[in-house]
N, C-alpha and C. Protein backbone atom coordinates (compact mmCIF):
# COMPACT_ATOMS: atom_id res chain seq x y z
N MET A 1 4.70 22.04 -29.17
CA MET A 1 5.33 21.27 -29.58
C MET A 1 7.05 21.61 -29.44
N GLN A 2 7.36 20.62 -29.12
CA GLN A 2 8.98 20.11 -28.28
C GLN A 2 9.40 19.63 -29.51
N ASN A 3 10.34 20.04 -29.49
CA ASN A 3 11.53 20.10 -30.77
C ASN A 3 12.40 19.23 -29.78
N THR A 4 12.84 17.51 -30.18
CA THR A 4 13.62 16.32 -29.78
C THR A 4 15.16 16.11 -30.42
N GLY A 5 15.21 16.79 -31.25
CA GLY A 5 15.77 17.18 -32.44
C GLY A 5 16.33 15.78 -33.09
N ILE A 6 15.45 14.42 -32.83
CA ILE A 6 15.93 13.27 -33.00
C ILE A 6 15.28 13.15 -35.04
N VAL A 7 15.66 12.71 -35.84
CA VAL A 7 15.44 12.60 -37.04
C VAL A 7 15.48 11.02 -37.23
N ARG A 8 14.47 10.59 -38.10
CA ARG A 8 14.07 8.95 -38.38
C ARG A 8 13.97 8.90 -39.74
N LYS A 9 14.54 8.16 -40.15
CA LYS A 9 13.81 8.09 -41.91
C LYS A 9 12.58 6.89 -41.68
N VAL A 10 11.77 6.57 -42.61
CA VAL A 10 10.91 6.13 -42.80
C VAL A 10 11.24 4.97 -43.68
N ASP A 11 11.03 3.71 -43.14
CA ASP A 11 11.59 2.61 -44.12
C ASP A 11 10.69 2.20 -45.02
N GLU A 12 11.22 1.19 -46.09
CA GLU A 12 10.07 0.64 -47.55
C GLU A 12 8.96 -0.12 -46.79
N LEU A 13 8.71 0.12 -45.33
CA LEU A 13 7.41 -0.74 -45.33
C LEU A 13 6.32 -0.04 -44.43
N GLY A 14 7.08 1.60 -44.35
CA GLY A 14 6.70 2.89 -43.88
C GLY A 14 6.41 2.69 -41.92
N ARG A 15 7.67 2.43 -41.71
CA ARG A 15 7.71 2.46 -40.05
C ARG A 15 9.00 3.64 -40.05
N ILE A 16 8.59 3.88 -39.01
CA ILE A 16 9.14 4.75 -37.97
C ILE A 16 9.94 4.17 -36.59
N VAL A 17 11.27 4.34 -36.20
CA VAL A 17 11.48 4.01 -35.31
C VAL A 17 11.36 4.73 -33.92
N PHE A 18 10.91 4.48 -32.65
CA PHE A 18 11.30 5.66 -31.95
C PHE A 18 12.03 5.40 -31.36
N PRO A 19 13.39 6.17 -30.29
CA PRO A 19 14.12 6.00 -29.96
C PRO A 19 14.37 5.33 -28.37
N ILE A 20 14.54 4.06 -27.58
CA ILE A 20 14.20 4.14 -26.29
C ILE A 20 14.03 5.45 -25.53
N GLU A 21 14.90 6.18 -25.33
CA GLU A 21 14.53 7.42 -24.40
C GLU A 21 13.42 7.70 -24.54
N LEU A 22 12.74 8.12 -25.62
CA LEU A 22 12.12 8.84 -25.79
C LEU A 22 10.78 7.72 -25.68
N ARG A 23 10.89 6.70 -26.02
CA ARG A 23 9.58 5.58 -25.16
C ARG A 23 9.41 5.81 -23.76
N ARG A 24 10.77 5.80 -23.22
CA ARG A 24 10.71 5.29 -21.69
C ARG A 24 9.80 7.14 -21.38
N VAL A 25 10.86 8.23 -21.76
CA VAL A 25 9.90 9.36 -21.67
C VAL A 25 8.31 9.25 -21.36
N LEU A 26 8.02 8.88 -22.64
CA LEU A 26 6.47 9.54 -22.77
C LEU A 26 5.59 8.15 -22.32
N GLY A 27 6.22 6.84 -21.41
CA GLY A 27 6.13 5.91 -20.64
C GLY A 27 5.18 4.83 -22.02
N ILE A 28 5.74 4.83 -23.36
CA ILE A 28 5.32 4.00 -24.71
C ILE A 28 5.78 2.86 -24.47
N GLY A 29 5.23 1.49 -24.09
CA GLY A 29 5.42 0.21 -24.08
C GLY A 29 5.52 -1.00 -25.32
N VAL A 30 6.14 -1.60 -25.49
CA VAL A 30 6.01 -2.88 -26.66
C VAL A 30 4.42 -3.40 -26.63
N GLY A 31 4.13 -2.96 -27.95
CA GLY A 31 2.70 -3.43 -27.95
C GLY A 31 1.38 -2.67 -27.53
N ASP A 32 2.15 -1.24 -26.93
CA ASP A 32 0.88 -0.21 -26.58
C ASP A 32 0.31 0.47 -27.82
N PRO A 33 -1.14 0.42 -27.66
CA PRO A 33 -1.90 1.19 -29.35
C PRO A 33 -1.78 2.48 -28.94
N LEU A 34 -1.53 3.30 -30.31
CA LEU A 34 -0.88 4.85 -30.59
C LEU A 34 -2.23 5.38 -31.58
N GLU A 35 -2.83 6.63 -31.27
CA GLU A 35 -3.96 7.34 -32.11
C GLU A 35 -2.64 7.70 -32.78
N ILE A 36 -3.41 8.07 -34.13
CA ILE A 36 -2.62 9.04 -35.32
C ILE A 36 -3.61 9.83 -35.02
N TYR A 37 -3.15 11.33 -35.48
CA TYR A 37 -3.82 12.27 -35.84
C TYR A 37 -2.82 13.12 -36.68
N VAL A 38 -3.46 14.04 -37.69
CA VAL A 38 -3.18 14.49 -38.86
C VAL A 38 -4.21 15.81 -38.62
N ASP A 39 -2.79 17.09 -38.59
CA ASP A 39 -3.25 18.60 -38.20
C ASP A 39 -2.54 19.11 -39.59
N GLU A 40 -3.22 19.78 -41.06
CA GLU A 40 -2.30 20.30 -41.87
C GLU A 40 -1.45 19.58 -41.73
N LYS A 41 0.33 20.17 -41.20
CA LYS A 41 1.30 19.68 -41.70
C LYS A 41 1.91 19.09 -40.74
N TYR A 42 1.21 18.13 -39.82
CA TYR A 42 1.89 17.78 -38.65
C TYR A 42 0.99 16.23 -38.93
N ILE A 43 2.03 15.12 -38.17
CA ILE A 43 1.69 14.07 -37.44
C ILE A 43 1.38 14.14 -36.56
N MET A 44 0.08 13.86 -35.58
CA MET A 44 0.93 13.76 -34.04
C MET A 44 0.55 12.21 -33.83
N LEU A 45 1.20 11.43 -32.25
CA LEU A 45 0.74 10.62 -31.65
C LEU A 45 0.29 10.66 -29.99
N LYS A 46 -0.85 10.01 -30.42
CA LYS A 46 -1.00 10.10 -28.65
C LYS A 46 -1.14 8.40 -28.16
N THR A 47 -0.81 8.20 -27.23
CA THR A 47 -1.35 6.98 -26.42
C THR A 47 -2.58 6.53 -26.04
N TYR A 48 -2.89 5.48 -26.91
CA TYR A 48 -4.93 5.46 -27.01
C TYR A 48 -4.95 4.04 -25.49
N ARG A 49 -5.57 4.48 -24.48
CA ARG A 49 -5.87 3.92 -23.56
C ARG A 49 -7.53 3.21 -23.76
N GLY A 50 -8.19 3.77 -24.67
CA GLY A 50 -9.41 3.76 -25.24
C GLY A 50 -10.43 3.70 -23.58
N PHE A 51 -11.68 2.74 -24.02
CA PHE A 51 -11.86 3.12 -22.23
C PHE A 51 -12.35 1.44 -22.02
N SER A 52 -11.25 0.48 -21.61
CA SER A 52 -11.22 -0.21 -21.12
C SER A 52 -10.40 -0.95 -20.06
N CYS A 53 -10.08 -1.60 -18.84
CA CYS A 53 -9.69 -1.37 -18.02
C CYS A 53 -8.11 -1.54 -18.34
N LEU A 54 -7.19 -0.94 -17.57
CA LEU A 54 -5.71 -0.91 -17.87
C LEU A 54 -5.22 -2.67 -17.49
N PHE A 55 -5.27 -3.16 -16.70
CA PHE A 55 -5.10 -4.46 -16.15
C PHE A 55 -5.53 -5.83 -17.43
N CYS A 56 -7.06 -5.53 -16.96
CA CYS A 56 -7.87 -6.92 -17.67
C CYS A 56 -8.53 -6.19 -19.16
N SER A 57 -8.59 -5.37 -19.77
CA SER A 57 -8.91 -5.09 -21.01
C SER A 57 -10.35 -4.98 -20.73
N ASP A 58 -10.66 -4.97 -19.51
CA ASP A 58 -12.64 -5.17 -19.24
C ASP A 58 -12.93 -3.86 -20.03
N ALA A 59 -13.98 -3.71 -19.97
CA ALA A 59 -14.35 -2.85 -21.37
C ALA A 59 -15.89 -2.40 -20.50
N GLY A 60 -16.44 -2.98 -19.33
CA GLY A 60 -17.46 -3.17 -18.65
C GLY A 60 -17.75 -1.37 -18.21
N SER A 61 -19.14 -1.04 -17.61
CA SER A 61 -19.55 0.55 -17.26
C SER A 61 -18.83 0.54 -15.66
N SER A 62 -17.64 -0.34 -15.35
CA SER A 62 -17.52 0.03 -14.38
C SER A 62 -16.10 0.44 -13.85
N LEU A 63 -15.44 1.25 -14.56
CA LEU A 63 -14.54 1.72 -14.95
C LEU A 63 -14.14 3.12 -13.93
N VAL A 64 -13.30 2.84 -13.38
CA VAL A 64 -12.75 4.22 -12.02
C VAL A 64 -11.19 4.52 -12.92
N ASN A 65 -11.38 6.08 -12.76
CA ASN A 65 -9.90 6.69 -13.09
C ASN A 65 -9.29 6.90 -11.74
N PHE A 66 -8.01 6.44 -11.80
CA PHE A 66 -7.01 5.85 -10.50
C PHE A 66 -5.51 6.78 -11.51
N LYS A 67 -5.30 7.64 -10.55
CA LYS A 67 -4.22 8.57 -11.52
C LYS A 67 -3.94 8.48 -12.82
N GLY A 68 -5.28 9.33 -13.34
CA GLY A 68 -5.47 8.96 -14.83
C GLY A 68 -5.20 7.48 -16.01
N ARG A 69 -5.68 6.53 -14.67
CA ARG A 69 -5.46 5.39 -15.86
C ARG A 69 -7.06 4.85 -15.55
N LEU A 70 -7.55 3.89 -16.70
CA LEU A 70 -9.19 3.20 -16.41
C LEU A 70 -8.47 1.89 -15.78
N ILE A 71 -9.51 1.96 -14.26
CA ILE A 71 -9.20 0.49 -13.96
C ILE A 71 -10.73 -0.11 -13.10
N CYS A 72 -10.51 -1.08 -13.52
CA CYS A 72 -12.32 -2.09 -13.31
C CYS A 72 -12.20 -2.36 -12.05
N ASN A 73 -13.51 -2.14 -11.29
CA ASN A 73 -13.35 -2.24 -9.75
C ASN A 73 -12.91 -3.27 -8.82
N SER A 74 -12.88 -4.41 -9.59
CA SER A 74 -12.33 -5.59 -9.76
C SER A 74 -11.19 -5.67 -9.38
N CYS A 75 -10.72 -4.95 -10.52
CA CYS A 75 -9.00 -4.99 -10.38
C CYS A 75 -8.37 -3.77 -9.29
N LEU A 76 -9.10 -2.83 -8.89
CA LEU A 76 -9.14 -1.94 -7.96
C LEU A 76 -9.03 -2.19 -6.54
N ASP A 77 -9.87 -3.35 -6.74
CA ASP A 77 -9.99 -4.48 -5.49
C ASP A 77 -9.01 -5.01 -4.92
N GLU A 78 -8.15 -5.60 -5.98
CA GLU A 78 -7.16 -6.05 -6.09
C GLU A 78 -6.01 -5.95 -5.77
N LEU A 79 -5.89 -4.42 -5.64
CA LEU A 79 -5.12 -3.53 -5.61
C LEU A 79 -5.04 -3.05 -4.07
N ARG A 80 -6.56 -3.09 -3.64
CA ARG A 80 -6.25 -2.25 -2.54
C ARG A 80 -5.57 -3.59 -1.26
N PRO A 81 -4.62 -3.55 -0.33
CA PRO A 81 -4.20 -4.12 0.79
C PRO A 81 -5.53 -4.63 1.77
N PRO A 82 -5.42 -5.98 2.37
CA PRO A 82 -6.54 -6.51 2.27
C PRO A 82 -6.89 -6.10 3.97
N ALA A 83 -7.81 -5.60 4.29
CA ALA A 83 -8.29 -5.18 5.95
C ALA A 83 -7.71 -6.18 7.08
N PRO A 84 -7.09 -5.79 7.81
CA PRO A 84 -6.25 -6.36 9.25
C PRO A 84 -7.63 -7.12 9.69
N GLU A 85 -7.43 -8.38 9.50
CA GLU A 85 -8.73 -9.14 10.56
C GLU A 85 -8.30 -8.66 12.29
N ARG A 86 -9.78 -8.58 12.84
CA ARG A 86 -9.77 -8.42 14.10
C ARG A 86 -10.12 -9.72 14.57
N PRO A 87 -9.80 -9.77 16.12
CA PRO A 87 -9.68 -11.29 16.29
C PRO A 87 -11.34 -11.26 16.96
N GLU A 88 -12.03 -12.12 17.02
CA GLU A 88 -13.23 -12.09 18.15
C GLU A 88 -12.88 -11.86 19.52
N THR A 89 -13.93 -11.24 20.21
CA THR A 89 -13.57 -10.51 21.38
C THR A 89 -14.73 -11.43 21.89
N ILE A 90 -14.67 -11.59 23.36
CA ILE A 90 -16.01 -12.25 24.22
C ILE A 90 -16.52 -11.13 24.78
N GLN A 91 -17.54 -10.66 25.14
CA GLN A 91 -18.08 -9.30 26.24
C GLN A 91 -18.02 -10.21 27.89
N SER A 92 -17.67 -9.73 28.69
CA SER A 92 -17.94 -10.49 29.85
C SER A 92 -19.08 -9.95 30.08
N GLY A 93 -19.10 -10.82 30.76
CA GLY A 93 -20.87 -10.47 31.49
C GLY A 93 -21.39 -9.12 32.18
N ASP A 94 -20.17 -9.02 33.19
CA ASP A 94 -20.61 -7.63 33.45
C ASP A 94 -20.46 -6.29 33.10
N GLY A 95 -20.16 -6.53 31.75
CA GLY A 95 -19.90 -4.97 30.43
C GLY A 95 -18.52 -4.54 30.40
N SER A 96 -18.13 -5.25 31.62
CA SER A 96 -16.25 -4.79 31.17
C SER A 96 -15.45 -5.04 30.15
N ALA A 97 -14.36 -4.92 30.15
CA ALA A 97 -14.06 -4.70 28.90
C ALA A 97 -13.68 -6.67 28.15
N PRO A 98 -13.58 -6.75 27.14
CA PRO A 98 -13.60 -8.02 26.49
C PRO A 98 -12.37 -9.40 26.96
N ARG A 99 -13.03 -10.40 27.27
CA ARG A 99 -11.69 -11.34 28.51
C ARG A 99 -10.14 -11.15 27.56
N LYS A 100 -10.92 -11.27 26.15
CA LYS A 100 -9.38 -11.59 25.57
C LYS A 100 -8.19 -9.92 25.79
N ARG A 101 -8.66 -9.05 26.18
CA ARG A 101 -7.68 -8.10 26.12
C ARG A 101 -7.17 -8.06 27.47
N ARG A 102 -8.58 -8.51 28.40
CA ARG A 102 -8.26 -8.85 30.35
C ARG A 102 -6.50 -10.12 29.56
N GLU A 103 -6.87 -11.20 29.34
CA GLU A 103 -6.24 -12.10 29.43
C GLU A 103 -5.04 -11.91 29.10
N LYS A 104 -4.92 -10.90 27.79
CA LYS A 104 -3.62 -10.25 26.81
C LYS A 104 -3.20 -9.49 27.88
N GLN A 105 -3.22 -8.38 28.81
CA GLN A 105 -2.85 -7.65 29.95
C GLN A 105 -2.57 -8.21 31.11
N SER A 106 -3.17 -9.34 31.92
CA SER A 106 -2.71 -10.38 32.64
C SER A 106 -1.13 -10.65 31.93
N ALA A 107 -1.12 -11.42 30.60
CA ALA A 107 0.02 -12.42 30.54
C ALA A 107 0.96 -11.35 30.08
N MET A 108 0.58 -9.78 30.03
CA MET A 108 1.78 -8.98 29.83
C MET A 108 2.39 -8.32 30.82
N LEU A 109 1.47 -8.80 31.99
CA LEU A 109 1.64 -7.86 33.20
C LEU A 109 2.96 -9.54 33.97
N GLU A 110 2.24 -10.79 33.96
CA GLU A 110 3.13 -11.50 34.48
C GLU A 110 4.47 -11.67 33.70
N ARG A 111 4.68 -11.53 32.19
CA ARG A 111 5.75 -11.26 31.58
C ARG A 111 6.59 -10.18 31.78
N LEU A 112 6.16 -9.18 32.16
CA LEU A 112 7.06 -7.88 32.87
C LEU A 112 7.29 -8.34 34.13
N GLN A 113 7.00 -8.71 35.10
CA GLN A 113 7.35 -8.79 36.36
C GLN A 113 8.31 -10.01 36.13
N GLN A 114 8.25 -10.54 35.02
CA GLN A 114 9.42 -11.62 35.19
C GLN A 114 10.61 -11.35 34.83
N LEU A 115 10.40 -10.34 33.75
CA LEU A 115 11.86 -9.51 33.21
C LEU A 115 12.18 -8.42 34.43
N MET A 116 11.36 -8.09 35.52
CA MET A 116 11.74 -7.36 36.02
C MET A 116 12.86 -8.23 37.00
N VAL A 117 12.26 -9.20 37.21
CA VAL A 117 12.95 -10.25 38.41
C VAL A 117 14.27 -10.89 37.63
N GLN A 118 14.26 -10.95 36.15
CA GLN A 118 15.48 -11.34 35.44
C GLN A 118 16.60 -10.39 35.60
N HIS A 119 15.97 -8.81 35.12
CA HIS A 119 16.88 -7.93 34.62
C HIS A 119 16.31 -6.60 35.82
N PRO A 120 16.80 -6.62 37.05
CA PRO A 120 16.25 -6.20 37.92
C PRO A 120 16.87 -4.22 37.78
N ASN A 121 17.82 -4.36 37.09
CA ASN A 121 18.44 -2.99 36.66
C ASN A 121 17.76 -2.05 35.23
N ALA A 122 17.14 -2.86 34.84
CA ALA A 122 16.64 -3.21 33.44
C ALA A 122 15.69 -1.63 33.85
N LYS A 123 16.04 -0.22 32.71
CA LYS A 123 15.03 0.94 32.34
C LYS A 123 14.02 0.28 31.56
N GLN A 124 13.01 1.45 31.40
CA GLN A 124 11.96 0.54 31.11
C GLN A 124 11.79 0.82 29.82
N ARG A 125 12.41 1.43 28.92
CA ARG A 125 13.16 1.44 27.53
C ARG A 125 13.32 0.34 27.29
N ALA A 126 14.56 -0.64 27.59
CA ALA A 126 14.82 -1.98 27.58
C ALA A 126 13.33 -3.17 27.60
N LEU A 127 13.06 -2.57 29.09
CA LEU A 127 11.85 -3.96 28.90
C LEU A 127 10.84 -3.49 28.09
N GLY A 128 10.47 -2.45 27.38
CA GLY A 128 9.76 -2.30 26.44
C GLY A 128 10.20 -3.23 25.00
N GLU A 129 11.60 -2.83 24.95
CA GLU A 129 11.75 -3.49 23.72
C GLU A 129 11.61 -5.12 23.78
N MET A 130 11.75 -5.81 25.02
CA MET A 130 11.79 -7.14 25.05
C MET A 130 10.51 -7.20 25.12
N LEU A 131 9.54 -6.47 25.70
CA LEU A 131 8.03 -7.34 25.80
C LEU A 131 7.46 -6.94 24.38
N GLY A 132 8.05 -5.61 23.20
CA GLY A 132 7.71 -5.63 21.92
C GLY A 132 6.66 -4.85 22.30
N VAL A 133 6.38 -3.79 23.11
CA VAL A 133 5.81 -2.35 23.51
C VAL A 133 6.11 -1.31 23.70
N THR A 134 5.65 -0.54 23.79
CA THR A 134 6.54 0.83 24.09
C THR A 134 6.73 1.40 25.12
N THR A 135 7.78 2.40 25.74
CA THR A 135 7.79 2.87 26.85
C THR A 135 6.48 3.22 27.66
N GLY A 136 6.32 4.02 26.79
CA GLY A 136 4.63 4.27 27.21
C GLY A 136 3.50 2.79 27.96
N ARG A 137 3.84 2.66 27.32
CA ARG A 137 3.09 0.89 27.35
C ARG A 137 3.53 0.24 28.48
N VAL A 138 4.96 0.24 28.74
CA VAL A 138 5.57 -0.44 30.09
C VAL A 138 5.26 0.41 31.44
N SER A 139 5.11 1.88 31.35
CA SER A 139 4.84 2.20 32.29
C SER A 139 2.93 2.35 32.77
N GLN A 140 2.19 1.89 31.72
CA GLN A 140 0.71 1.96 32.06
C GLN A 140 1.25 0.72 32.99
N LEU A 141 1.57 -0.70 32.35
CA LEU A 141 1.84 -1.66 32.95
C LEU A 141 2.37 -1.59 34.53
N TYR A 142 3.36 -0.96 34.55
CA TYR A 142 4.11 -0.79 36.02
C TYR A 142 3.06 -0.04 36.97
N LYS A 143 2.27 0.99 36.42
CA LYS A 143 1.30 1.18 37.09
C LYS A 143 -0.14 0.46 37.27
N GLU A 144 -0.05 -0.62 36.63
CA GLU A 144 -1.08 -1.59 37.17
C GLU A 144 -1.00 -2.79 38.23
N LEU A 145 0.59 -2.89 37.82
CA LEU A 145 1.39 -3.95 38.66
C LEU A 145 0.91 -2.59 40.37
N LYS A 146 1.53 -1.55 40.74
CA LYS A 146 1.44 -1.10 41.86
C LYS A 146 -0.08 -1.36 41.66
N GLU A 147 -0.85 -0.70 41.76
CA GLU A 147 -2.66 -1.23 42.01
C GLU A 147 -3.00 -2.33 42.40
N ARG A 148 -2.48 -3.54 41.50
CA ARG A 148 -2.72 -5.07 42.22
C ARG A 148 -1.47 -5.08 43.38
N THR A 149 -0.44 -4.52 43.50
CA THR A 149 0.15 -5.09 44.84
C THR A 149 -0.64 -4.20 46.15
N ILE A 150 -1.50 -3.15 45.85
CA ILE A 150 -1.69 -2.17 47.19
C ILE A 150 -2.69 -2.78 47.65
């Protein structure tokens, strides 16, 4: 046991006030239940979580231990970020890349050509920033443009 050096008196109703510093350190909030243990001459308090969900207080059988706290599966699902939606792609008839990717690539190539005309001295990094892609992607697009012009 650690001595805090804090002394409090019991009031006429048998209550003790815990200092805010102690409650913050121990993570005790207003309305949190505490378990009381008695061992010979010591009175010990422990935060009581019971076997219910931390958020919704559901005491069902689907509780999961998440970072030392019990959480039901439905609350845990709400905490998870939603999975990113993938756009539907249409497989082309010849088994090559999906059409959406090809359409996006050709639009990106057209936009790169426009930017190269507007900014003839721009470096790949600047073009990448204008397109919203990496310098490596600009390099790939350059290669694609060269292949199309050959």
